């Protein structure tokens, strides 16, 4: 997250397991950053608020993903199939990046 944007998405691509070498897992964390000040150490502090973690799983090398959507990704006030499609699209795109 930058100084200009206090919202962020952290993504992590997990390695496949020995049981299923075609498995792809993308971990997503959505958070809001709050900056503060520590007067004892005289330093700026950062805290993550409203953090939500999700995991998208593919068993076919990243062609299709399943996810249990619990984030209002499109901001329309409800969690529905459109949110799930956005999150799956994010997982698919991130799983294709070779060197993140």
PDB file of N, CA and C in Angstrom:
ATOM      1  N   UNK A   1       0.842  -1.164   0.000  1.00  0.00           N
ATOM      2  CA  UNK A   1       0.000   0.000   0.000  1.00  0.00           C
ATOM      3  C   UNK A   1       0.892   1.233   0.000  1.00  0.00           C
ATOM      4  N   UNK A   2       0.424   2.234  -0.605  1.00  0.00           N
ATOM      5  CA  UNK A   2       1.193   3.461  -0.702  1.00  0.00           C
ATOM      6  C   UNK A   2       0.664   4.523   0.249  1.00  0.00           C
ATOM      7  N   UNK A   3       1.318   5.643   0.248  1.00  0.00           N
ATOM      8  CA  UNK A   3       0.877   6.764   1.059  1.00  0.00           C
ATOM      9  C   UNK A   3      -0.416   7.341   0.520  1.00  0.00           C
ATOM     10  N   UNK A   4      -0.629   7.210  -0.780  1.00  0.00           N
ATOM     11  CA  UNK A   4      -1.778   7.823  -1.435  1.00  0.00           C
ATOM     12  C   UNK A   4      -3.048   6.994  -1.338  1.00  0.00           C
ATOM     13  N   UNK A   5      -2.910   5.678  -1.219  1.00  0.00           N
ATOM     14  CA  UNK A   5      -4.069   4.799  -1.171  1.00  0.00           C
ATOM     15  C   UNK A   5      -4.010   3.975   0.106  1.00  0.00           C
ATOM     16  N   UNK A   6      -5.015   4.073   0.926  1.00  0.00           N
ATOM     17  CA  UNK A   6      -5.020   3.382   2.211  1.00  0.00           C
ATOM     18  C   UNK A   6      -5.644   1.987   2.140  1.00  0.00           C
ATOM     19  N   UNK A   7      -6.146   1.592   0.965  1.00  0.00           N
ATOM     20  CA  UNK A   7      -6.700   0.250   0.796  1.00  0.00           C
ATOM     21  C   UNK A   7      -5.712  -0.584   0.014  1.00  0.00           C
ATOM     22  N   UNK A   8      -5.674  -1.885   0.288  1.00  0.00           N
ATOM     23  CA  UNK A   8      -4.722  -2.721  -0.432  1.00  0.00           C
ATOM     24  C   UNK A   8      -5.167  -4.163  -0.532  1.00  0.00           C
ATOM     25  N   UNK A   9      -4.586  -4.849  -1.499  1.00  0.00           N
ATOM     26  CA  UNK A   9      -4.814  -6.271  -1.702  1.00  0.00           C
ATOM     27  C   UNK A   9      -3.448  -6.938  -1.745  1.00  0.00           C
ATOM     28  N   UNK A  10      -3.268  -7.919  -0.895  1.00  0.00           N
ATOM     29  CA  UNK A  10      -2.037  -8.686  -0.877  1.00  0.00           C
ATOM     30  C   UNK A  10      -2.336 -10.053  -1.485  1.00  0.00           C
ATOM     31  N   UNK A  11      -1.504 -10.491  -2.411  1.00  0.00           N
ATOM     32  CA  UNK A  11      -1.722 -11.771  -3.088  1.00  0.00           C
ATOM     33  C   UNK A  11      -0.519 -12.676  -2.878  1.00  0.00           C
ATOM     34  N   UNK A  12      -0.782 -13.969  -2.721  1.00  0.00           N
ATOM     35  CA  UNK A  12       0.292 -14.935  -2.572  1.00  0.00           C
ATOM     36  C   UNK A  12      -0.080 -16.190  -3.351  1.00  0.00           C
ATOM     37  N   UNK A  13       0.833 -16.638  -4.188  1.00  0.00           N
ATOM     38  CA  UNK A  13       0.631 -17.857  -4.969  1.00  0.00           C
ATOM     39  C   UNK A  13       1.311 -19.002  -4.235  1.00  0.00           C
ATOM     40  N   UNK A  14       0.540 -20.002  -3.867  1.00  0.00           N
ATOM     41  CA  UNK A  14       1.065 -21.138  -3.109  1.00  0.00           C
ATOM     42  C   UNK A  14       1.541 -22.224  -4.071  1.00  0.00           C
ATOM     43  N   UNK A  15       2.549 -22.938  -3.671  1.00  0.00           N
ATOM     44  CA  UNK A  15       3.087 -24.034  -4.494  1.00  0.00           C
ATOM     45  C   UNK A  15       2.114 -25.213  -4.496  1.00  0.00           C
ATOM     46  N   UNK A  16       2.123 -25.992  -5.588  1.00  0.00           N
ATOM     47  CA  UNK A  16       1.255 -27.175  -5.627  1.00  0.00           C
ATOM     48  C   UNK A  16       1.731 -28.225  -4.620  1.00  0.00           C
ATOM     49  N   UNK A  17       0.819 -29.072  -4.190  1.00  0.00           N
ATOM     50  CA  UNK A  17       1.167 -30.136  -3.255  1.00  0.00           C
ATOM     51  C   UNK A  17       1.644 -31.366  -4.023  1.00  0.00           C
ATOM     52  N   UNK A  18       2.292 -32.270  -3.311  1.00  0.00           N
ATOM     53  CA  UNK A  18       2.742 -33.514  -3.950  1.00  0.00           C
ATOM     54  C   UNK A  18       1.554 -34.396  -4.302  1.00  0.00           C
ATOM     55  N   UNK A  19       0.473 -34.268  -3.565  1.00  0.00           N
ATOM     56  CA  UNK A  19      -0.729 -35.073  -3.811  1.00  0.00           C
ATOM     57  C   UNK A  19      -1.369 -34.666  -5.133  1.00  0.00           C
ATOM     58  N   UNK A  20      -1.424 -33.364  -5.413  1.00  0.00           N
ATOM     59  CA  UNK A  20      -2.038 -32.863  -6.637  1.00  0.00           C
ATOM     60  C   UNK A  20      -1.115 -31.817  -7.264  1.00  0.00           C
ATOM     61  N   UNK A  21      -0.227 -32.222  -8.177  1.00  0.00           N
ATOM     62  CA  UNK A  21       0.717 -31.272  -8.771  1.00  0.00           C
ATOM     63  C   UNK A  21       0.062 -30.203  -9.652  1.00  0.00           C
ATOM     64  N   UNK A  22      -1.204 -30.394 -10.031  1.00  0.00           N
ATOM     65  CA  UNK A  22      -1.911 -29.390 -10.834  1.00  0.00           C
ATOM     66  C   UNK A  22      -2.678 -28.389  -9.982  1.00  0.00           C
ATOM     67  N   UNK A  23      -2.569 -28.536  -8.664  1.00  0.00           N
ATOM     68  CA  UNK A  23      -3.287 -27.638  -7.766  1.00  0.00           C
ATOM     69  C   UNK A  23      -2.625 -26.257  -7.763  1.00  0.00           C
ATOM     70  N   UNK A  24      -3.473 -25.229  -7.813  1.00  0.00           N
ATOM     71  CA  UNK A  24      -3.026 -23.838  -7.720  1.00  0.00           C
ATOM     72  C   UNK A  24      -3.863 -23.169  -6.645  1.00  0.00           C
ATOM     73  N   UNK A  25      -3.186 -22.526  -5.691  1.00  0.00           N
ATOM     74  CA  UNK A  25      -3.871 -21.794  -4.621  1.00  0.00           C
ATOM     75  C   UNK A  25      -3.394 -20.356  -4.632  1.00  0.00           C
ATOM     76  N   UNK A  26      -4.352 -19.440  -4.645  1.00  0.00           N
ATOM     77  CA  UNK A  26      -4.044 -18.020  -4.567  1.00  0.00           C
ATOM     78  C   UNK A  26      -4.688 -17.492  -3.292  1.00  0.00           C
ATOM     79  N   UNK A  27      -3.848 -17.029  -2.375  1.00  0.00           N
ATOM     80  CA  UNK A  27      -4.335 -16.438  -1.131  1.00  0.00           C
ATOM     81  C   UNK A  27      -4.454 -14.932  -1.334  1.00  0.00           C
ATOM     82  N   UNK A  28      -5.588 -14.356  -0.939  1.00  0.00           N
ATOM     83  CA  UNK A  28      -5.848 -12.928  -1.093  1.00  0.00           C
ATOM     84  C   UNK A  28      -6.189 -12.342   0.263  1.00  0.00           C
ATOM     85  N   UNK A  29      -5.596 -11.199   0.561  1.00  0.00           N
ATOM     86  CA  UNK A  29      -5.927 -10.490   1.794  1.00  0.00           C
ATOM     87  C   UNK A  29      -6.272  -9.056   1.440  1.00  0.00           C
ATOM     88  N   UNK A  30      -7.440  -8.629   1.861  1.00  0.00           N
ATOM     89  CA  UNK A  30      -7.911  -7.269   1.632  1.00  0.00           C
ATOM     90  C   UNK A  30      -7.815  -6.535   2.964  1.00  0.00           C
ATOM     91  N   UNK A  31      -7.248  -5.328   2.956  1.00  0.00           N
ATOM     92  CA  UNK A  31      -7.066  -4.616   4.218  1.00  0.00           C
ATOM     93  C   UNK A  31      -7.123  -3.110   4.013  1.00  0.00           C
ATOM     94  N   UNK A  32      -7.312  -2.425   5.123  1.00  0.00           N
ATOM     95  CA  UNK A  32      -7.298  -0.971   5.179  1.00  0.00           C
ATOM     96  C   UNK A  32      -6.151  -0.582   6.098  1.00  0.00           C
ATOM     97  N   UNK A  33      -5.296   0.324   5.647  1.00  0.00           N
ATOM     98  CA  UNK A  33      -4.128   0.726   6.421  1.00  0.00           C
ATOM     99  C   UNK A  33      -4.425   1.981   7.224  1.00  0.00           C
ATOM    100  N   UNK A  34      -4.028   1.960   8.482  1.00  0.00           N
ATOM    101  CA  UNK A  34      -4.160   3.136   9.330  1.00  0.00           C
ATOM    102  C   UNK A  34      -2.776   3.505   9.850  1.00  0.00           C
ATOM    103  N   UNK A  35      -2.394   4.751   9.649  1.00  0.00           N
ATOM    104  CA  UNK A  35      -1.114   5.215  10.149  1.00  0.00           C
ATOM    105  C   UNK A  35      -1.312   5.929  11.476  1.00  0.00           C
ATOM    106  N   UNK A  36      -0.354   5.761  12.362  1.00  0.00           N
ATOM    107  CA  UNK A  36      -0.391   6.407  13.661  1.00  0.00           C
ATOM    108  C   UNK A  36       0.995   6.886  14.032  1.00  0.00           C
ATOM    109  N   UNK A  37       1.148   7.276  15.270  1.00  0.00           N
ATOM    110  CA  UNK A  37       2.444   7.759  15.741  1.00  0.00           C
ATOM    111  C   UNK A  37       2.715   7.174  17.119  1.00  0.00           C
ATOM    112  N   UNK A  38       3.909   6.617  17.299  1.00  0.00           N
ATOM    113  CA  UNK A  38       4.344   6.069  18.573  1.00  0.00           C
ATOM    114  C   UNK A  38       5.227   7.111  19.259  1.00  0.00           C
ATOM    115  N   UNK A  39       4.705   7.801  20.293  1.00  0.00           N
ATOM    116  CA  UNK A  39       5.481   8.874  20.922  1.00  0.00           C
ATOM    117  C   UNK A  39       6.695   8.368  21.697  1.00  0.00           C
ATOM    118  N   UNK A  40       6.659   7.117  22.161  1.00  0.00           N
ATOM    119  CA  UNK A  40       7.796   6.579  22.916  1.00  0.00           C
ATOM    120  C   UNK A  40       9.005   6.388  22.004  1.00  0.00           C
ATOM    121  N   UNK A  41       8.773   5.771  20.849  1.00  0.00           N
ATOM    122  CA  UNK A  41       9.861   5.531  19.894  1.00  0.00           C
ATOM    123  C   UNK A  41      10.014   6.646  18.870  1.00  0.00           C
ATOM    124  N   UNK A  42       9.088   7.592  18.918  1.00  0.00           N
ATOM    125  CA  UNK A  42       9.083   8.699  17.961  1.00  0.00           C
ATOM    126  C   UNK A  42       9.150   8.182  16.524  1.00  0.00           C
ATOM    127  N   UNK A  43       8.179   7.322  16.225  1.00  0.00           N
ATOM    128  CA  UNK A  43       8.165   6.679  14.914  1.00  0.00           C
ATOM    129  C   UNK A  43       6.728   6.568  14.419  1.00  0.00           C
ATOM    130  N   UNK A  44       6.570   6.561  13.105  1.00  0.00           N
ATOM    131  CA  UNK A  44       5.270   6.361  12.478  1.00  0.00           C
ATOM    132  C   UNK A  44       4.950   4.873  12.506  1.00  0.00           C
ATOM    133  N   UNK A  45       3.715   4.535  12.880  1.00  0.00           N
ATOM    134  CA  UNK A  45       3.290   3.147  12.915  1.00  0.00           C
ATOM    135  C   UNK A  45       2.222   2.906  11.857  1.00  0.00           C
ATOM    136  N   UNK A  46       2.131   1.672  11.398  1.00  0.00           N
ATOM    137  CA  UNK A  46       1.102   1.279  10.432  1.00  0.00           C
ATOM    138  C   UNK A  46       0.372   0.057  10.974  1.00  0.00           C
ATOM    139  N   UNK A  47      -0.937   0.076  10.880  1.00  0.00           N
ATOM    140  CA  UNK A  47      -1.770  -1.048  11.300  1.00  0.00           C
ATOM    141  C   UNK A  47      -2.709  -1.411  10.165  1.00  0.00           C
ATOM    142  N   UNK A  48      -3.007  -2.695  10.044  1.00  0.00           N
ATOM    143  CA  UNK A  48      -3.975  -3.154   9.057  1.00  0.00           C
ATOM    144  C   UNK A  48      -5.312  -3.363   9.749  1.00  0.00           C
ATOM    145  N   UNK A  49      -6.345  -2.715   9.218  1.00  0.00           N
ATOM    146  CA  UNK A  49      -7.693  -2.805   9.771  1.00  0.00           C
ATOM    147  C   UNK A  49      -8.614  -3.498   8.775  1.00  0.00           C
ATOM    148  N   UNK A  50      -9.707  -4.018   9.267  1.00  0.00           N
ATOM    149  CA  UNK A  50     -10.717  -4.644   8.410  1.00  0.00           C
ATOM    150  C   UNK A  50     -10.100  -5.658   7.457  1.00  0.00           C
ATOM    151  N   UNK A  51      -9.177  -6.446   7.951  1.00  0.00           N
ATOM    152  CA  UNK A  51      -8.491  -7.426   7.114  1.00  0.00           C
ATOM    153  C   UNK A  51      -9.378  -8.643   6.877  1.00  0.00           C
ATOM    154  N   UNK A  52      -9.480  -9.037   5.622  1.00  0.00           N
ATOM    155  CA  UNK A  52     -10.244 -10.216   5.220  1.00  0.00           C
ATOM    156  C   UNK A  52      -9.364 -11.083   4.331  1.00  0.00           C
ATOM    157  N   UNK A  53      -9.277 -12.357   4.643  1.00  0.00           N
ATOM    158  CA  UNK A  53      -8.453 -13.280   3.856  1.00  0.00           C
ATOM    159  C   UNK A  53      -9.349 -14.281   3.131  1.00  0.00           C
ATOM    160  N   UNK A  54      -9.011 -14.540   1.878  1.00  0.00           N
ATOM    161  CA  UNK A  54      -9.729 -15.509   1.051  1.00  0.00           C
ATOM    162  C   UNK A  54      -8.724 -16.404   0.354  1.00  0.00           C
ATOM    163  N   UNK A  55      -9.169 -17.558  -0.088  1.00  0.00           N
ATOM    164  CA  UNK A  55      -8.303 -18.453  -0.834  1.00  0.00           C
ATOM    165  C   UNK A  55      -9.066 -18.996  -2.034  1.00  0.00           C
ATOM    166  N   UNK A  56      -8.480 -18.833  -3.212  1.00  0.00           N
ATOM    167  CA  UNK A  56      -9.045 -19.394  -4.438  1.00  0.00           C
ATOM    168  C   UNK A  56      -8.251 -20.653  -4.788  1.00  0.00           C
ATOM    169  N   UNK A  57      -8.947 -21.730  -5.110  1.00  0.00           N
ATOM    170  CA  UNK A  57      -8.293 -23.013  -5.355  1.00  0.00           C
ATOM    171  C   UNK A  57      -8.660 -23.535  -6.736  1.00  0.00           C
ATOM    172  N   UNK A  58      -7.627 -24.019  -7.441  1.00  0.00           N
ATOM    173  CA  UNK A  58      -7.823 -24.653  -8.739  1.00  0.00           C
ATOM    174  C   UNK A  58      -7.180 -26.031  -8.701  1.00  0.00           C
ATOM    175  N   UNK A  59      -7.859 -27.019  -9.233  1.00  0.00           N
ATOM    176  CA  UNK A  59      -7.294 -28.367  -9.301  1.00  0.00           C
ATOM    177  C   UNK A  59      -6.916 -28.763 -10.721  1.00  0.00           C
ATOM    178  N   UNK A  60      -7.005 -27.806 -11.645  1.00  0.00           N
ATOM    179  CA  UNK A  60      -6.684 -28.104 -13.038  1.00  0.00           C
ATOM    180  C   UNK A  60      -5.631 -27.145 -13.607  1.00  0.00           C
ATOM    181  N   UNK A  61      -4.689 -26.754 -12.774  1.00  0.00           N
ATOM    182  CA  UNK A  61      -3.586 -25.919 -13.253  1.00  0.00           C
ATOM    183  C   UNK A  61      -3.927 -24.456 -13.424  1.00  0.00           C
ATOM    184  N   UNK A  62      -5.025 -24.003 -12.896  1.00  0.00           N
ATOM    185  CA  UNK A  62      -5.399 -22.597 -12.977  1.00  0.00           C
ATOM    186  C   UNK A  62      -6.430 -22.276 -14.039  1.00  0.00           C
ATOM    187  N   UNK A  63      -6.995 -23.284 -14.696  1.00  0.00           N
ATOM    188  CA  UNK A  63      -8.018 -23.039 -15.713  1.00  0.00           C
ATOM    189  C   UNK A  63      -9.336 -22.594 -15.073  1.00  0.00           C
ATOM    190  N   UNK A  64      -9.722 -23.257 -13.978  1.00  0.00           N
ATOM    191  CA  UNK A  64     -10.932 -22.869 -13.255  1.00  0.00           C
ATOM    192  C   UNK A  64     -10.606 -22.779 -11.770  1.00  0.00           C
ATOM    193  N   UNK A  65     -11.263 -21.874 -11.091  1.00  0.00           N
ATOM    194  CA  UNK A  65     -11.050 -21.671  -9.666  1.00  0.00           C
ATOM    195  C   UNK A  65     -12.372 -21.771  -8.923  1.00  0.00           C
ATOM    196  N   UNK A  66     -12.288 -22.170  -7.663  1.00  0.00           N
ATOM    197  CA  UNK A  66     -13.428 -22.095  -6.760  1.00  0.00           C
ATOM    198  C   UNK A  66     -13.038 -21.183  -5.611  1.00  0.00           C
ATOM    199  N   UNK A  67     -14.012 -20.429  -5.137  1.00  0.00           N
ATOM    200  CA  UNK A  67     -13.771 -19.503  -4.037  1.00  0.00           C
ATOM    201  C   UNK A  67     -15.079 -19.293  -3.306  1.00  0.00           C
ATOM    202  N   UNK A  68     -14.988 -19.098  -2.015  1.00  0.00           N
ATOM    203  CA  UNK A  68     -16.160 -18.756  -1.225  1.00  0.00           C
ATOM    204  C   UNK A  68     -16.101 -17.247  -1.006  1.00  0.00           C
ATOM    205  N   UNK A  69     -16.842 -16.519  -1.802  1.00  0.00           N
ATOM    206  CA  UNK A  69     -16.791 -15.056  -1.773  1.00  0.00           C
ATOM    207  C   UNK A  69     -17.398 -14.522  -0.483  1.00  0.00           C
ATOM    208  N   UNK A  70     -16.617 -13.698   0.221  1.00  0.00           N
ATOM    209  CA  UNK A  70     -17.133 -13.046   1.425  1.00  0.00           C
ATOM    210  C   UNK A  70     -16.719 -11.575   1.445  1.00  0.00           C
ATOM    211  N   UNK A  71     -16.422 -11.053   0.255  1.00  0.00           N
ATOM    212  CA  UNK A  71     -16.004  -9.662   0.116  1.00  0.00           C
ATOM    213  C   UNK A  71     -16.881  -8.996  -0.942  1.00  0.00           C
ATOM    214  N   UNK A  72     -17.345  -7.800  -0.642  1.00  0.00           N
ATOM    215  CA  UNK A  72     -18.106  -7.023  -1.617  1.00  0.00           C
ATOM    216  C   UNK A  72     -17.114  -6.337  -2.548  1.00  0.00           C
ATOM    217  N   UNK A  73     -16.624  -7.072  -3.540  1.00  0.00           N
ATOM    218  CA  UNK A  73     -15.552  -6.588  -4.416  1.00  0.00           C
ATOM    219  C   UNK A  73     -16.001  -5.454  -5.331  1.00  0.00           C
ATOM    220  N   UNK A  74     -17.253  -5.447  -5.747  1.00  0.00           N
ATOM    221  CA  UNK A  74     -17.706  -4.408  -6.682  1.00  0.00           C
ATOM    222  C   UNK A  74     -18.366  -3.221  -5.982  1.00  0.00           C
ATOM    223  N   UNK A  75     -18.489  -3.275  -4.665  1.00  0.00           N
ATOM    224  CA  UNK A  75     -18.978  -2.136  -3.892  1.00  0.00           C
ATOM    225  C   UNK A  75     -20.442  -1.810  -4.044  1.00  0.00           C
ATOM    226  N   UNK A  76     -21.255  -2.790  -4.462  1.00  0.00           N
ATOM    227  CA  UNK A  76     -22.676  -2.499  -4.645  1.00  0.00           C
ATOM    228  C   UNK A  76     -23.519  -2.806  -3.398  1.00  0.00           C
ATOM    229  N   UNK A  77     -22.864  -3.180  -2.305  1.00  0.00           N
ATOM    230  CA  UNK A  77     -23.585  -3.378  -1.059  1.00  0.00           C
ATOM    231  C   UNK A  77     -24.007  -4.795  -0.757  1.00  0.00           C
ATOM    232  N   UNK A  78     -23.788  -5.725  -1.669  1.00  0.00           N
ATOM    233  CA  UNK A  78     -24.114  -7.114  -1.390  1.00  0.00           C
ATOM    234  C   UNK A  78     -23.023  -8.031  -1.926  1.00  0.00           C
ATOM    235  N   UNK A  79     -22.967  -9.240  -1.404  1.00  0.00           N
ATOM    236  CA  UNK A  79     -21.995 -10.244  -1.838  1.00  0.00           C
ATOM    237  C   UNK A  79     -22.759 -11.255  -2.685  1.00  0.00           C
ATOM    238  N   UNK A  80     -22.417 -11.277  -3.994  1.00  0.00           N
ATOM    239  CA  UNK A  80     -23.170 -12.120  -4.913  1.00  0.00           C
ATOM    240  C   UNK A  80     -22.239 -12.734  -5.957  1.00  0.00           C
ATOM    241  N   UNK A  81     -22.820 -13.265  -7.024  1.00  0.00           N
ATOM    242  CA  UNK A  81     -22.037 -13.928  -8.069  1.00  0.00           C
ATOM    243  C   UNK A  81     -21.092 -12.982  -8.799  1.00  0.00           C
ATOM    244  N   UNK A  82     -21.447 -11.711  -8.887  1.00  0.00           N
ATOM    245  CA  UNK A  82     -20.553 -10.744  -9.531  1.00  0.00           C
ATOM    246  C   UNK A  82     -19.265 -10.574  -8.722  1.00  0.00           C
ATOM    247  N   UNK A  83     -19.379 -10.548  -7.411  1.00  0.00           N
ATOM    248  CA  UNK A  83     -18.195 -10.458  -6.556  1.00  0.00           C
ATOM    249  C   UNK A  83     -17.323 -11.700  -6.726  1.00  0.00           C
ATOM    250  N   UNK A  84     -17.967 -12.859  -6.767  1.00  0.00           N
ATOM    251  CA  UNK A  84     -17.243 -14.108  -6.954  1.00  0.00           C
ATOM    252  C   UNK A  84     -16.502 -14.109  -8.291  1.00  0.00           C
ATOM    253  N   UNK A  85     -17.129 -13.623  -9.349  1.00  0.00           N
ATOM    254  CA  UNK A  85     -16.493 -13.570 -10.668  1.00  0.00           C
ATOM    255  C   UNK A  85     -15.279 -12.634 -10.667  1.00  0.00           C
ATOM    256  N   UNK A  86     -15.386 -11.505  -9.975  1.00  0.00           N
ATOM    257  CA  UNK A  86     -14.265 -10.564  -9.887  1.00  0.00           C
ATOM    258  C   UNK A  86     -13.092 -11.206  -9.159  1.00  0.00           C
ATOM    259  N   UNK A  87     -13.371 -11.880  -8.041  1.00  0.00           N
ATOM    260  CA  UNK A  87     -12.308 -12.502  -7.260  1.00  0.00           C
ATOM    261  C   UNK A  87     -11.661 -13.667  -8.005  1.00  0.00           C
ATOM    262  N   UNK A  88     -12.457 -14.435  -8.721  1.00  0.00           N
ATOM    263  CA  UNK A  88     -11.904 -15.531  -9.522  1.00  0.00           C
ATOM    264  C   UNK A  88     -11.044 -14.964 -10.658  1.00  0.00           C
ATOM    265  N   UNK A  89     -11.484 -13.870 -11.266  1.00  0.00           N
ATOM    266  CA  UNK A  89     -10.678 -13.217 -12.305  1.00  0.00           C
ATOM    267  C   UNK A  89      -9.345 -12.738 -11.767  1.00  0.00           C
ATOM    268  N   UNK A  90      -9.343 -12.197 -10.553  1.00  0.00           N
ATOM    269  CA  UNK A  90      -8.105 -11.757  -9.916  1.00  0.00           C
ATOM    270  C   UNK A  90      -7.181 -12.946  -9.658  1.00  0.00           C
ATOM    271  N   UNK A  91      -7.730 -14.042  -9.172  1.00  0.00           N
ATOM    272  CA  UNK A  91      -6.928 -15.241  -8.913  1.00  0.00           C
ATOM    273  C   UNK A  91      -6.347 -15.809 -10.201  1.00  0.00           C
ATOM    274  N   UNK A  92      -7.146 -15.857 -11.259  1.00  0.00           N
ATOM    275  CA  UNK A  92      -6.653 -16.358 -12.551  1.00  0.00           C
ATOM    276  C   UNK A  92      -5.523 -15.496 -13.080  1.00  0.00           C
ATOM    277  N   UNK A  93      -5.718 -14.196 -13.035  1.00  0.00           N
ATOM    278  CA  UNK A  93      -4.691 -13.279 -13.546  1.00  0.00           C
ATOM    279  C   UNK A  93      -3.405 -13.415 -12.740  1.00  0.00           C
ATOM    280  N   UNK A  94      -3.520 -13.460 -11.412  1.00  0.00           N
ATOM    281  CA  UNK A  94      -2.319 -13.536 -10.581  1.00  0.00           C
ATOM    282  C   UNK A  94      -1.602 -14.872 -10.734  1.00  0.00           C
ATOM    283  N   UNK A  95      -2.342 -15.962 -10.958  1.00  0.00           N
ATOM    284  CA  UNK A  95      -1.703 -17.263 -11.113  1.00  0.00           C
ATOM    285  C   UNK A  95      -0.907 -17.369 -12.395  1.00  0.00           C
ATOM    286  N   UNK A  96      -1.153 -16.484 -13.351  1.00  0.00           N
ATOM    287  CA  UNK A  96      -0.416 -16.498 -14.627  1.00  0.00           C
ATOM    288  C   UNK A  96       0.889 -15.703 -14.576  1.00  0.00           C
ATOM    289  N   UNK A  97       1.081 -14.911 -13.529  1.00  0.00           N
ATOM    290  CA  UNK A  97       2.302 -14.106 -13.410  1.00  0.00           C
ATOM    291  C   UNK A  97       3.444 -15.012 -12.954  1.00  0.00           C
ATOM    292  N   UNK A  98       4.511 -15.044 -13.726  1.00  0.00           N
ATOM    293  CA  UNK A  98       5.633 -15.939 -13.425  1.00  0.00           C
ATOM    294  C   UNK A  98       6.480 -15.412 -12.268  1.00  0.00           C
ATOM    295  N   UNK A  99       6.870 -14.140 -12.314  1.00  0.00           N
ATOM    296  CA  UNK A  99       7.725 -13.537 -11.295  1.00  0.00           C
ATOM    297  C   UNK A  99       7.026 -12.350 -10.645  1.00  0.00           C
ATOM    298  N   UNK A 100       6.209 -12.605  -9.614  1.00  0.00           N
ATOM    299  CA  UNK A 100       5.483 -11.494  -8.983  1.00  0.00           C
ATOM    300  C   UNK A 100       6.422 -10.603  -8.176  1.00  0.00           C
TER     301      UNK A 100
END
